[in-house]
N, C-alpha and C. Protein backbone atom coordinates (compact mmCIF):
# COMPACT_ATOMS: atom_id res chain seq x y z
N MET A 1 1.94 3.46 -4.45
CA MET A 1 2.72 2.37 -3.94
C MET A 1 1.90 1.08 -3.93
N VAL A 2 0.69 1.18 -3.45
CA VAL A 2 -0.16 0.00 -3.35
C VAL A 2 -0.39 -0.62 -4.73
N ASN A 3 -0.76 0.20 -5.70
CA ASN A 3 -1.00 -0.32 -7.04
C ASN A 3 0.27 -0.89 -7.65
N ALA A 4 1.40 -0.22 -7.44
CA ALA A 4 2.67 -0.71 -7.97
C ALA A 4 3.03 -2.06 -7.36
N LEU A 5 2.83 -2.21 -6.06
CA LEU A 5 3.15 -3.47 -5.40
C LEU A 5 2.24 -4.60 -5.89
N PHE A 6 0.96 -4.32 -6.05
CA PHE A 6 0.06 -5.35 -6.59
C PHE A 6 0.44 -5.69 -8.03
N ALA A 7 0.81 -4.67 -8.82
CA ALA A 7 1.25 -4.92 -10.20
C ALA A 7 2.52 -5.77 -10.22
N GLY A 8 3.35 -5.63 -9.18
CA GLY A 8 4.57 -6.41 -9.08
C GLY A 8 4.36 -7.81 -8.52
N GLY A 9 3.11 -8.17 -8.26
CA GLY A 9 2.82 -9.52 -7.81
C GLY A 9 2.67 -9.70 -6.32
N ALA A 10 2.44 -8.63 -5.58
CA ALA A 10 2.26 -8.76 -4.13
C ALA A 10 1.12 -9.73 -3.84
N GLU A 11 1.39 -10.68 -2.97
CA GLU A 11 0.39 -11.68 -2.60
C GLU A 11 -0.48 -11.21 -1.45
N ALA A 12 0.06 -10.34 -0.62
CA ALA A 12 -0.66 -9.77 0.52
C ALA A 12 0.01 -8.45 0.87
N MET A 13 -0.76 -7.55 1.50
CA MET A 13 -0.21 -6.23 1.83
C MET A 13 -0.92 -5.65 3.05
N THR A 14 -0.17 -4.88 3.83
CA THR A 14 -0.74 -4.09 4.92
C THR A 14 -0.25 -2.66 4.81
N ILE A 15 -1.07 -1.75 5.30
CA ILE A 15 -0.69 -0.36 5.49
C ILE A 15 -0.98 -0.07 6.96
N GLN A 16 0.03 0.38 7.69
CA GLN A 16 -0.12 0.64 9.12
C GLN A 16 -0.69 -0.60 9.83
N ASP A 17 -0.25 -1.77 9.43
CA ASP A 17 -0.69 -3.05 10.01
C ASP A 17 -2.16 -3.36 9.77
N GLN A 18 -2.79 -2.66 8.82
CA GLN A 18 -4.18 -2.95 8.44
C GLN A 18 -4.16 -3.68 7.10
N ARG A 19 -4.77 -4.84 7.03
CA ARG A 19 -4.74 -5.65 5.81
C ARG A 19 -5.44 -4.94 4.67
N VAL A 20 -4.81 -4.93 3.52
CA VAL A 20 -5.37 -4.35 2.31
C VAL A 20 -6.02 -5.48 1.52
N ILE A 21 -7.30 -5.29 1.16
CA ILE A 21 -8.02 -6.29 0.36
C ILE A 21 -8.51 -5.61 -0.92
N ALA A 22 -9.18 -6.37 -1.78
CA ALA A 22 -9.60 -5.87 -3.08
C ALA A 22 -10.49 -4.63 -2.99
N THR A 23 -11.28 -4.51 -1.94
CA THR A 23 -12.20 -3.37 -1.83
C THR A 23 -11.66 -2.25 -0.94
N THR A 24 -10.42 -2.36 -0.51
CA THR A 24 -9.83 -1.32 0.35
C THR A 24 -9.65 -0.03 -0.44
N ALA A 25 -10.12 1.07 0.12
CA ALA A 25 -9.91 2.39 -0.46
C ALA A 25 -8.90 3.12 0.41
N VAL A 26 -7.85 3.63 -0.21
CA VAL A 26 -6.85 4.42 0.50
C VAL A 26 -7.12 5.87 0.14
N LYS A 27 -7.56 6.66 1.12
CA LYS A 27 -7.94 8.05 0.86
C LYS A 27 -6.96 8.99 1.54
N CYS A 28 -6.50 9.98 0.78
CA CYS A 28 -5.61 11.00 1.33
C CYS A 28 -6.46 12.19 1.76
N VAL A 29 -6.37 12.55 3.03
CA VAL A 29 -7.12 13.68 3.58
C VAL A 29 -6.11 14.57 4.29
N GLY A 30 -5.73 15.66 3.62
CA GLY A 30 -4.67 16.50 4.19
C GLY A 30 -3.38 15.72 4.26
N ASN A 31 -2.78 15.68 5.43
CA ASN A 31 -1.55 14.90 5.58
C ASN A 31 -1.81 13.56 6.25
N THR A 32 -3.06 13.12 6.25
CA THR A 32 -3.38 11.80 6.81
C THR A 32 -3.92 10.89 5.72
N VAL A 33 -3.87 9.61 5.99
CA VAL A 33 -4.45 8.61 5.11
C VAL A 33 -5.59 7.94 5.87
N VAL A 34 -6.73 7.82 5.22
CA VAL A 34 -7.88 7.14 5.83
C VAL A 34 -7.96 5.75 5.20
N LEU A 35 -7.95 4.75 6.06
CA LEU A 35 -7.95 3.36 5.64
C LEU A 35 -9.00 2.62 6.46
N HIS A 36 -9.98 2.04 5.80
CA HIS A 36 -11.08 1.34 6.48
C HIS A 36 -11.78 2.27 7.48
N GLY A 37 -11.88 3.56 7.12
CA GLY A 37 -12.56 4.53 7.96
C GLY A 37 -11.75 5.09 9.12
N VAL A 38 -10.49 4.70 9.24
CA VAL A 38 -9.64 5.15 10.35
C VAL A 38 -8.52 6.02 9.79
N PRO A 39 -8.34 7.26 10.33
CA PRO A 39 -7.25 8.10 9.85
C PRO A 39 -5.91 7.72 10.48
N TYR A 40 -4.86 7.78 9.67
CA TYR A 40 -3.50 7.50 10.13
C TYR A 40 -2.59 8.65 9.71
N ALA A 41 -1.72 9.06 10.63
CA ALA A 41 -0.76 10.12 10.34
C ALA A 41 0.58 9.49 9.94
N PRO A 42 1.42 10.25 9.23
CA PRO A 42 2.73 9.72 8.86
C PRO A 42 3.60 9.52 10.09
N PRO A 43 4.61 8.69 9.99
CA PRO A 43 5.07 8.00 8.78
C PRO A 43 4.21 6.78 8.49
N TYR A 44 4.09 6.46 7.21
CA TYR A 44 3.29 5.33 6.77
C TYR A 44 4.18 4.12 6.55
N VAL A 45 3.72 2.97 6.96
CA VAL A 45 4.46 1.73 6.76
C VAL A 45 3.60 0.81 5.90
N ILE A 46 4.12 0.48 4.73
CA ILE A 46 3.45 -0.44 3.81
C ILE A 46 4.30 -1.69 3.76
N THR A 47 3.69 -2.83 4.02
CA THR A 47 4.40 -4.11 3.99
C THR A 47 3.74 -5.00 2.96
N ALA A 48 4.55 -5.64 2.13
CA ALA A 48 4.01 -6.53 1.09
C ALA A 48 4.74 -7.86 1.12
N ILE A 49 3.99 -8.92 0.81
CA ILE A 49 4.56 -10.26 0.69
C ILE A 49 4.57 -10.62 -0.79
N GLY A 50 5.71 -11.10 -1.26
CA GLY A 50 5.82 -11.52 -2.65
C GLY A 50 7.27 -11.67 -3.03
N ASN A 51 7.52 -11.88 -4.31
CA ASN A 51 8.88 -11.98 -4.82
C ASN A 51 9.56 -10.62 -4.65
N GLN A 52 10.57 -10.56 -3.81
CA GLN A 52 11.17 -9.27 -3.45
C GLN A 52 11.75 -8.54 -4.66
N SER A 53 12.41 -9.26 -5.54
CA SER A 53 12.99 -8.62 -6.73
C SER A 53 11.90 -8.05 -7.63
N ALA A 54 10.81 -8.78 -7.80
CA ALA A 54 9.71 -8.30 -8.63
C ALA A 54 9.03 -7.09 -8.00
N LEU A 55 8.86 -7.09 -6.68
CA LEU A 55 8.24 -5.95 -6.00
C LEU A 55 9.13 -4.71 -6.12
N GLU A 56 10.43 -4.89 -5.93
CA GLU A 56 11.36 -3.75 -6.06
C GLU A 56 11.36 -3.21 -7.48
N ALA A 57 11.34 -4.10 -8.47
CA ALA A 57 11.31 -3.67 -9.87
C ALA A 57 10.02 -2.90 -10.18
N ALA A 58 8.91 -3.37 -9.64
CA ALA A 58 7.63 -2.69 -9.86
C ALA A 58 7.64 -1.29 -9.25
N LEU A 59 8.19 -1.16 -8.06
CA LEU A 59 8.28 0.17 -7.43
C LEU A 59 9.19 1.08 -8.24
N ALA A 60 10.31 0.55 -8.71
CA ALA A 60 11.27 1.36 -9.47
C ALA A 60 10.69 1.81 -10.81
N ALA A 61 9.82 1.00 -11.41
CA ALA A 61 9.28 1.30 -12.73
C ALA A 61 8.02 2.16 -12.70
N ASP A 62 7.36 2.26 -11.57
CA ASP A 62 6.08 2.97 -11.50
C ASP A 62 6.30 4.48 -11.53
N PRO A 63 5.68 5.20 -12.49
CA PRO A 63 5.87 6.64 -12.59
C PRO A 63 5.42 7.40 -11.34
N GLY A 64 4.32 6.98 -10.72
CA GLY A 64 3.85 7.66 -9.51
C GLY A 64 4.82 7.51 -8.36
N VAL A 65 5.41 6.34 -8.22
CA VAL A 65 6.40 6.11 -7.17
C VAL A 65 7.65 6.92 -7.46
N GLN A 66 8.05 6.99 -8.73
CA GLN A 66 9.22 7.79 -9.10
C GLN A 66 9.03 9.25 -8.72
N ILE A 67 7.86 9.79 -9.01
CA ILE A 67 7.57 11.19 -8.67
C ILE A 67 7.59 11.38 -7.15
N TYR A 68 6.96 10.46 -6.42
CA TYR A 68 6.97 10.59 -4.96
C TYR A 68 8.39 10.57 -4.43
N ARG A 69 9.23 9.68 -4.94
CA ARG A 69 10.61 9.58 -4.45
C ARG A 69 11.37 10.87 -4.73
N GLN A 70 11.10 11.51 -5.88
CA GLN A 70 11.74 12.79 -6.18
C GLN A 70 11.32 13.86 -5.17
N TYR A 71 10.02 13.93 -4.89
CA TYR A 71 9.52 14.88 -3.90
C TYR A 71 10.05 14.56 -2.51
N ALA A 72 10.10 13.30 -2.18
CA ALA A 72 10.60 12.89 -0.86
C ALA A 72 12.03 13.35 -0.67
N GLN A 73 12.83 13.22 -1.72
CA GLN A 73 14.23 13.66 -1.62
C GLN A 73 14.33 15.18 -1.59
N ALA A 74 13.58 15.86 -2.46
CA ALA A 74 13.66 17.32 -2.55
C ALA A 74 13.16 18.01 -1.29
N TYR A 75 12.11 17.46 -0.68
CA TYR A 75 11.49 18.11 0.47
C TYR A 75 11.67 17.34 1.78
N GLN A 76 12.56 16.37 1.76
CA GLN A 76 12.88 15.57 2.95
C GLN A 76 11.62 14.98 3.59
N LEU A 77 10.79 14.38 2.75
CA LEU A 77 9.55 13.77 3.23
C LEU A 77 9.79 12.39 3.83
N GLY A 78 10.82 11.75 3.39
CA GLY A 78 11.14 10.42 3.90
C GLY A 78 10.62 9.33 2.99
N TYR A 79 11.48 8.43 2.65
CA TYR A 79 11.13 7.24 1.88
C TYR A 79 12.19 6.20 2.19
N GLN A 80 11.74 5.04 2.57
CA GLN A 80 12.66 3.96 2.91
C GLN A 80 12.08 2.66 2.40
N GLN A 81 12.95 1.85 1.85
CA GLN A 81 12.53 0.57 1.31
C GLN A 81 13.49 -0.48 1.84
N GLN A 82 12.97 -1.57 2.36
CA GLN A 82 13.87 -2.60 2.87
C GLN A 82 13.28 -3.98 2.68
N ARG A 83 14.17 -4.95 2.57
CA ARG A 83 13.77 -6.35 2.48
C ARG A 83 13.71 -6.92 3.89
N ILE A 84 12.69 -7.69 4.14
CA ILE A 84 12.53 -8.36 5.43
C ILE A 84 12.41 -9.85 5.15
N GLY A 85 13.12 -10.65 5.90
CA GLY A 85 13.16 -12.08 5.65
C GLY A 85 11.82 -12.78 5.78
N GLU A 86 11.12 -12.55 6.87
CA GLU A 86 9.85 -13.23 7.10
C GLU A 86 8.86 -12.25 7.71
N VAL A 87 7.64 -12.27 7.21
CA VAL A 87 6.61 -11.34 7.67
C VAL A 87 5.34 -12.12 7.97
N THR A 88 4.69 -11.78 9.07
CA THR A 88 3.37 -12.32 9.38
C THR A 88 2.39 -11.16 9.30
N MET A 89 1.32 -11.35 8.56
CA MET A 89 0.33 -10.28 8.38
C MET A 89 -0.99 -10.68 9.01
N PRO A 90 -1.68 -9.69 9.57
CA PRO A 90 -3.01 -9.98 10.13
C PRO A 90 -4.01 -10.22 9.01
N GLY A 91 -5.03 -10.97 9.30
CA GLY A 91 -6.13 -11.12 8.36
C GLY A 91 -6.99 -9.86 8.40
N PHE A 92 -7.88 -9.73 7.46
CA PHE A 92 -8.79 -8.58 7.44
C PHE A 92 -9.82 -8.76 8.54
N SER A 93 -10.00 -7.74 9.36
CA SER A 93 -10.90 -7.87 10.51
C SER A 93 -12.16 -7.01 10.39
N GLY A 94 -12.28 -6.24 9.33
CA GLY A 94 -13.45 -5.38 9.18
C GLY A 94 -14.61 -6.11 8.55
N SER A 95 -15.65 -5.35 8.25
CA SER A 95 -16.79 -5.95 7.56
C SER A 95 -16.64 -5.69 6.06
N LEU A 96 -17.07 -6.64 5.28
CA LEU A 96 -16.98 -6.50 3.84
C LEU A 96 -18.18 -5.73 3.32
N PRO A 97 -17.94 -4.84 2.35
CA PRO A 97 -19.06 -4.09 1.80
C PRO A 97 -19.98 -5.00 1.00
N GLN A 98 -21.23 -4.62 0.91
CA GLN A 98 -22.19 -5.37 0.11
C GLN A 98 -21.87 -5.11 -1.36
N LEU A 99 -21.47 -6.13 -2.07
CA LEU A 99 -21.16 -5.98 -3.48
C LEU A 99 -22.39 -6.33 -4.31
N THR A 100 -22.59 -5.58 -5.36
CA THR A 100 -23.72 -5.86 -6.25
C THR A 100 -23.18 -6.06 -7.66
N LYS A 101 -23.97 -6.67 -8.49
CA LYS A 101 -23.56 -6.87 -9.87
C LYS A 101 -24.67 -6.38 -10.78
N ALA A 102 -24.29 -6.06 -11.97
CA ALA A 102 -25.27 -5.63 -12.95
C ALA A 102 -25.96 -6.86 -13.53
N ALA A 103 -27.22 -6.72 -13.84
CA ALA A 103 -27.96 -7.83 -14.43
C ALA A 103 -28.70 -7.32 -15.66
N ARG A 104 -28.96 -8.21 -16.56
CA ARG A 104 -29.71 -7.83 -17.76
C ARG A 104 -31.17 -8.02 -17.54
């Protein structure tokens, strides 16, 4: 979902009200998601800011999202998508990892 939303032009995103940035790793551990070192249990709420039609089209076209939606329907896992008029997102409050670059 996260990759599909960014591919669709998401300008900002949160998962469970935690800001997603370029270095954010979303890790699946059993039935929980670990985000910025904190585990979260379902249901998961992903919020994105951007052109709503483009974001919806990106979700509809993404093969991974399509597979998840099939499983969600078959096994009653839950999937809901909705448009929200105005959203305020928190800034990133964690520490940034030390980034390094390759040198010759």
